């Protein structure tokens, strides 16, 4: 019996020592990382670790992350990161309500019921990403420029595809988006409801390098984007897309995305409300889209392709300008 007691005490002492060693390394490592950043990029008032004996609970208080040169900054009352002591390769992060996003022309306050993320890496020396899942509920953005945006729920995920190198499955689902009332007022002539029912994405991204602890050196870039399904449902306006884009030899996107829009006649008023099209140009845009819809055989459905080729991007017959850059070939 006495031997068993000594074994228990010894195991407890070893485990407690492991926890204190791990906690001190986490705390000192975070403080050192903050101190190593350029001036003004990352600030925090305090860093501490609790959770003995089974968890590492990291709290970083009064966090500010920004780019002083561009006048962009994000602040949060605190950031919390949790990990079980016996499984430190799986961490969960949480944010409180009350982040403030500072942009050159406005400040946006983020209120929420919950915002959290789960990150799992492979328990190896490279710490390669296995899965990343972020969730947000009851989010409302309020800008001092006079607009608001609400989201009932959102979930985004990245999952390693073990069947091919540097490939990741991407997922996104956003439900019940409430656009700014002023924006909806500009669409009063349409029959669009006050809520966007759903935004959904299922895609695969192929990168030039793995997302692991060496990413700062290897600098993974997008080599290919394969969209299996994308859809937006907003009342009678329904949008879907499918296709593949790859980085060409110059780093610019090549490929095509097939777009399908039901209820497309509601698009011109939306483009006007967003400031992308002038009101006097909207009738011309509608006529052009009508011609494209007529070619597809259904006047109520717009089927059109976004094509990137030879460094240019076109939407059906409409030239859009240079193709987007997927890779910086100077750093390849």
Foldseek 3Di string as FASTA:
>chain_A
DVVVVVVVVVVVVVQQVLQVVVQVCVQVVVVVVQVPDPPPAWDFDDWGWDDPPFKTKIKTAFIKGDDVVQFWIKTARIKIKMDTSVARQKIKIWGAAWMWITGPVKIKGKGFPIKMKIWHFPPDPFRFTAKIKIKTAFIKIDIPVGWIKTFGMKMWMWGDDPVDAQKIKIKIKTAWIAGTPVLVVLLVVDPWDRTWGMWIWTKMWHWPHTPTPCCVPVVIFTAKIFTPWIWTHTPQWIKMKGWMWGQDPQQFTFIKIKMKIAQCLSVLSSCCSVVNDPPVCSVVVSVVQQVQCVVVVHSRMHIWMWGADPQWTAIHPRTDGGGDGGDDVVSD
